[in-house]
Amino acid sequence: MDIVLYLHRHREQIVSKKELLGEVWNYADTDIETRTVDIHILKLRKKITSLVGDTPFIVTVRGEGYRLEFEE
């Protein structure tokens, strides 16, 4: 849930994997290679899809990061 909250607080911008590692998981070294963010985003997308259908709420911006996208 921390990922969704962080993306919501920064919904006007693209959030990088490094930023999520530092801000959500408190990694001191965000330059390490890890699939932590990818795996959690995948799981979140599956949960959201099971609740509301195929509407993409977490959008991948290739080469940059993620953005929360929803209609208010």
N, C-alpha and C. Protein backbone atom coordinates (compact mmCIF):
# COMPACT_ATOMS: atom_id res chain seq x y z
N MET A 1 0.82 -1.19 0.00
CA MET A 1 0.00 0.00 0.00
C MET A 1 0.87 1.26 0.00
N ASP A 2 2.06 1.16 0.56
CA ASP A 2 2.96 2.32 0.59
C ASP A 2 3.31 2.81 -0.82
N ILE A 3 3.38 1.87 -1.76
CA ILE A 3 3.68 2.26 -3.15
C ILE A 3 2.55 3.12 -3.70
N VAL A 4 1.33 2.68 -3.50
CA VAL A 4 0.17 3.43 -4.01
C VAL A 4 0.10 4.81 -3.36
N LEU A 5 0.33 4.88 -2.07
CA LEU A 5 0.30 6.16 -1.37
C LEU A 5 1.38 7.10 -1.91
N TYR A 6 2.57 6.57 -2.12
CA TYR A 6 3.66 7.41 -2.63
C TYR A 6 3.35 7.89 -4.04
N LEU A 7 2.87 6.99 -4.89
CA LEU A 7 2.51 7.39 -6.25
C LEU A 7 1.37 8.42 -6.24
N HIS A 8 0.44 8.26 -5.33
CA HIS A 8 -0.66 9.22 -5.24
C HIS A 8 -0.17 10.60 -4.81
N ARG A 9 0.73 10.64 -3.85
CA ARG A 9 1.29 11.92 -3.40
C ARG A 9 2.08 12.61 -4.51
N HIS A 10 2.61 11.83 -5.44
CA HIS A 10 3.42 12.36 -6.53
C HIS A 10 2.76 12.11 -7.88
N ARG A 11 1.44 12.18 -7.90
CA ARG A 11 0.68 11.81 -9.10
C ARG A 11 0.89 12.72 -10.29
N GLU A 12 1.44 13.89 -10.09
CA GLU A 12 1.71 14.81 -11.19
C GLU A 12 3.04 14.55 -11.87
N GLN A 13 3.76 13.54 -11.40
CA GLN A 13 5.09 13.29 -11.96
C GLN A 13 5.35 11.80 -12.12
N ILE A 14 6.39 11.48 -12.86
CA ILE A 14 6.83 10.10 -13.03
C ILE A 14 7.77 9.78 -11.87
N VAL A 15 7.54 8.64 -11.23
CA VAL A 15 8.36 8.22 -10.09
C VAL A 15 9.27 7.09 -10.56
N SER A 16 10.56 7.27 -10.38
CA SER A 16 11.53 6.26 -10.83
C SER A 16 11.61 5.09 -9.84
N LYS A 17 12.16 3.98 -10.32
CA LYS A 17 12.38 2.83 -9.46
C LYS A 17 13.33 3.20 -8.32
N LYS A 18 14.36 3.98 -8.64
CA LYS A 18 15.32 4.40 -7.61
C LYS A 18 14.62 5.19 -6.51
N GLU A 19 13.73 6.08 -6.92
CA GLU A 19 13.00 6.89 -5.95
C GLU A 19 12.13 6.00 -5.06
N LEU A 20 11.44 5.03 -5.66
CA LEU A 20 10.63 4.11 -4.87
C LEU A 20 11.48 3.29 -3.91
N LEU A 21 12.62 2.81 -4.38
CA LEU A 21 13.51 2.04 -3.49
C LEU A 21 13.96 2.87 -2.30
N GLY A 22 14.28 4.12 -2.53
CA GLY A 22 14.74 4.99 -1.45
C GLY A 22 13.64 5.44 -0.52
N GLU A 23 12.49 5.80 -1.09
CA GLU A 23 11.42 6.39 -0.29
C GLU A 23 10.46 5.37 0.32
N VAL A 24 10.18 4.30 -0.37
CA VAL A 24 9.23 3.30 0.13
C VAL A 24 9.95 2.21 0.93
N TRP A 25 11.08 1.72 0.40
CA TRP A 25 11.80 0.63 1.06
C TRP A 25 13.00 1.12 1.89
N ASN A 26 13.30 2.40 1.83
CA ASN A 26 14.41 2.99 2.59
C ASN A 26 15.77 2.39 2.26
N TYR A 27 15.97 2.04 1.00
CA TYR A 27 17.28 1.54 0.57
C TYR A 27 18.28 2.69 0.64
N ALA A 28 19.42 2.45 1.24
CA ALA A 28 20.47 3.47 1.30
C ALA A 28 21.16 3.58 -0.05
N ASP A 29 21.37 2.46 -0.71
CA ASP A 29 22.01 2.44 -2.02
C ASP A 29 20.96 2.06 -3.06
N THR A 30 20.45 3.05 -3.78
CA THR A 30 19.39 2.80 -4.76
C THR A 30 19.94 2.40 -6.12
N ASP A 31 21.26 2.31 -6.25
CA ASP A 31 21.86 1.92 -7.52
C ASP A 31 22.03 0.41 -7.66
N ILE A 32 21.59 -0.35 -6.66
CA ILE A 32 21.72 -1.80 -6.74
C ILE A 32 20.71 -2.36 -7.73
N GLU A 33 21.03 -3.51 -8.29
CA GLU A 33 20.11 -4.19 -9.21
C GLU A 33 19.15 -5.04 -8.38
N THR A 34 17.88 -4.75 -8.49
CA THR A 34 16.87 -5.52 -7.76
C THR A 34 15.57 -5.51 -8.55
N ARG A 35 14.81 -6.55 -8.40
CA ARG A 35 13.49 -6.65 -9.06
C ARG A 35 12.37 -6.34 -8.06
N THR A 36 12.72 -5.85 -6.89
CA THR A 36 11.75 -5.57 -5.84
C THR A 36 10.60 -4.71 -6.34
N VAL A 37 10.91 -3.60 -6.96
CA VAL A 37 9.87 -2.68 -7.43
C VAL A 37 9.01 -3.36 -8.49
N ASP A 38 9.65 -3.99 -9.47
CA ASP A 38 8.91 -4.65 -10.56
C ASP A 38 7.92 -5.69 -10.03
N ILE A 39 8.37 -6.50 -9.11
CA ILE A 39 7.53 -7.56 -8.57
C ILE A 39 6.35 -6.99 -7.79
N HIS A 40 6.60 -5.97 -6.98
CA HIS A 40 5.51 -5.37 -6.20
C HIS A 40 4.51 -4.64 -7.10
N ILE A 41 4.99 -3.97 -8.13
CA ILE A 41 4.09 -3.30 -9.06
C ILE A 41 3.22 -4.34 -9.78
N LEU A 42 3.82 -5.45 -10.20
CA LEU A 42 3.07 -6.53 -10.85
C LEU A 42 1.96 -7.05 -9.93
N LYS A 43 2.30 -7.29 -8.67
CA LYS A 43 1.31 -7.79 -7.71
C LYS A 43 0.20 -6.77 -7.47
N LEU A 44 0.56 -5.50 -7.38
CA LEU A 44 -0.44 -4.45 -7.20
C LEU A 44 -1.38 -4.38 -8.39
N ARG A 45 -0.82 -4.45 -9.58
CA ARG A 45 -1.66 -4.40 -10.79
C ARG A 45 -2.64 -5.57 -10.80
N LYS A 46 -2.21 -6.75 -10.42
CA LYS A 46 -3.10 -7.91 -10.38
C LYS A 46 -4.23 -7.71 -9.37
N LYS A 47 -3.90 -7.17 -8.21
CA LYS A 47 -4.92 -6.92 -7.18
C LYS A 47 -5.92 -5.88 -7.65
N ILE A 48 -5.42 -4.79 -8.23
CA ILE A 48 -6.30 -3.73 -8.72
C ILE A 48 -7.20 -4.26 -9.83
N THR A 49 -6.63 -5.04 -10.74
CA THR A 49 -7.41 -5.62 -11.84
C THR A 49 -8.51 -6.53 -11.31
N SER A 50 -8.23 -7.29 -10.27
CA SER A 50 -9.25 -8.18 -9.71
C SER A 50 -10.39 -7.39 -9.06
N LEU A 51 -10.11 -6.16 -8.64
CA LEU A 51 -11.13 -5.33 -7.99
C LEU A 51 -11.93 -4.47 -8.97
N VAL A 52 -11.25 -3.91 -9.96
CA VAL A 52 -11.93 -2.93 -10.83
C VAL A 52 -11.84 -3.24 -12.32
N GLY A 53 -11.24 -4.32 -12.69
CA GLY A 53 -11.14 -4.66 -14.11
C GLY A 53 -9.81 -4.22 -14.70
N ASP A 54 -9.78 -4.12 -16.01
CA ASP A 54 -8.53 -3.89 -16.72
C ASP A 54 -8.10 -2.43 -16.83
N THR A 55 -8.72 -1.54 -16.12
CA THR A 55 -8.32 -0.13 -16.16
C THR A 55 -6.93 0.01 -15.55
N PRO A 56 -5.96 0.50 -16.33
CA PRO A 56 -4.60 0.63 -15.79
C PRO A 56 -4.46 1.84 -14.86
N PHE A 57 -4.22 1.60 -13.59
CA PHE A 57 -4.03 2.69 -12.64
C PHE A 57 -2.55 3.02 -12.48
N ILE A 58 -1.72 2.00 -12.54
CA ILE A 58 -0.28 2.21 -12.43
C ILE A 58 0.29 2.02 -13.83
N VAL A 59 0.76 3.11 -14.40
CA VAL A 59 1.25 3.12 -15.77
C VAL A 59 2.77 3.13 -15.77
N THR A 60 3.36 2.29 -16.62
CA THR A 60 4.81 2.28 -16.78
C THR A 60 5.19 3.29 -17.84
N VAL A 61 6.13 4.17 -17.49
CA VAL A 61 6.70 5.10 -18.47
C VAL A 61 8.07 4.54 -18.79
N ARG A 62 8.16 3.95 -19.95
CA ARG A 62 9.35 3.19 -20.34
C ARG A 62 10.64 3.99 -20.16
N GLY A 63 11.58 3.38 -19.44
CA GLY A 63 12.88 3.99 -19.22
C GLY A 63 12.91 5.06 -18.15
N GLU A 64 11.73 5.37 -17.56
CA GLU A 64 11.68 6.44 -16.56
C GLU A 64 11.13 6.00 -15.21
N GLY A 65 10.03 5.25 -15.23
CA GLY A 65 9.44 4.83 -13.96
C GLY A 65 7.96 4.57 -14.06
N TYR A 66 7.23 4.98 -13.04
CA TYR A 66 5.80 4.71 -12.95
C TYR A 66 5.03 5.98 -12.64
N ARG A 67 3.76 5.94 -13.01
CA ARG A 67 2.86 7.07 -12.74
C ARG A 67 1.50 6.50 -12.39
N LEU A 68 0.86 7.10 -11.41
CA LEU A 68 -0.51 6.71 -11.05
C LEU A 68 -1.44 7.51 -11.96
N GLU A 69 -2.36 6.80 -12.59
CA GLU A 69 -3.26 7.44 -13.54
C GLU A 69 -4.67 6.96 -13.25
N PHE A 70 -5.54 7.89 -12.89
CA PHE A 70 -6.92 7.53 -12.60
C PHE A 70 -7.81 8.74 -12.82
N GLU A 71 -9.08 8.46 -13.00
CA GLU A 71 -10.06 9.54 -13.16
C GLU A 71 -10.66 9.82 -11.81
N GLU A 72 -10.76 11.10 -11.48
CA GLU A 72 -11.33 11.47 -10.18
C GLU A 72 -12.79 11.78 -10.31
